[in-house]
Amino acid sequence: VRPRPFPVPLALFTALLIFFLAFGVRLLVLHDSRLEAARVQHAVADNYRHGARLLAEGGAAAFFGKSSPLADPDTLGHPPGYPVLLALVSRLSGAPDVTGAEEAARVVQLAADAGAAALLFLLVAELLPLAAGVVAGVLVALAPQFTWNSVLPLPDTLAAVLVLLAVYLLARAARRPRLTTVVLAGASIGVSCWLRANALLLAPLLAVAVFLLFERERRKRYALAIVAGAVLVVAPLTIRNALVFRSL
């Protein structure tokens, strides 16, 4: 294990400062551009809300039922992670409908995106000097494009955070090899696929990277572990689709 060039408490404290900086900036952007953001891809956002309402009303049975409106690809034309999040926040917050819970879900989304800035700092600090990580984290915290994307009622930001988490976990495992960390990296990729399908082939790509990062005796085991972590998380979606659409 390579020794760390900086104290862990200092890194965690810096990550916390970057998180609060990023979260504050995103709250200001949300306050300034709430109405404008609601008009971006409004048809797709409405589709997510409709799916969330159906999930909130019917629960898991609606998701797996062949006769449910959710079995119509036009109703649930995207991965179901974002509607599931909206429905879950609606139930936990006690809001009368999904629209009322959307503000709470938006705060969760802003916090996750602010966490991405802190996560990027930790990732860069794993590989480069601490100062480079600080610069990277602060730039992400203040970048207009990132802050704008975080306030949109779309799952892209959340999916990106999970991909970044997977890369960070792999970097951690390269420093301190643990099978559990590698499996979690693959699982993080799998969860991101519940939100957006873009990262579907990223787990095999990271498995190739394993052969460059780890010693020979760990390579095959860790490569299989990262793919297995992603497959186990994505598998329920595949099984559901096979059950629902088999006779359609």
Foldseek 3Di string as FASTA:
>chain_A
DDDQPDDPVVLVVLLVVLLVLLLVVLVVVCVVCVPVLCPPPVVVLVLLQQLLQQCLVPPPCLLQPLPHPNLDCVSVVFQNLLSVLLSVQCVVVVPPGSVVSLVVVLSVLSSLLSSLLSLQLLQVSLPDPNVVSSVSSNCSSPPPVSSSVSNHSACPSVLVSLQSQLSSLVSVCLVPPDLVSLLSSLLSLLSSCSRHVPSVCVLLVVLVVLVVRDDPVCNVVSSVSSPVSNCVSNVVVVVSNCSNVVVD
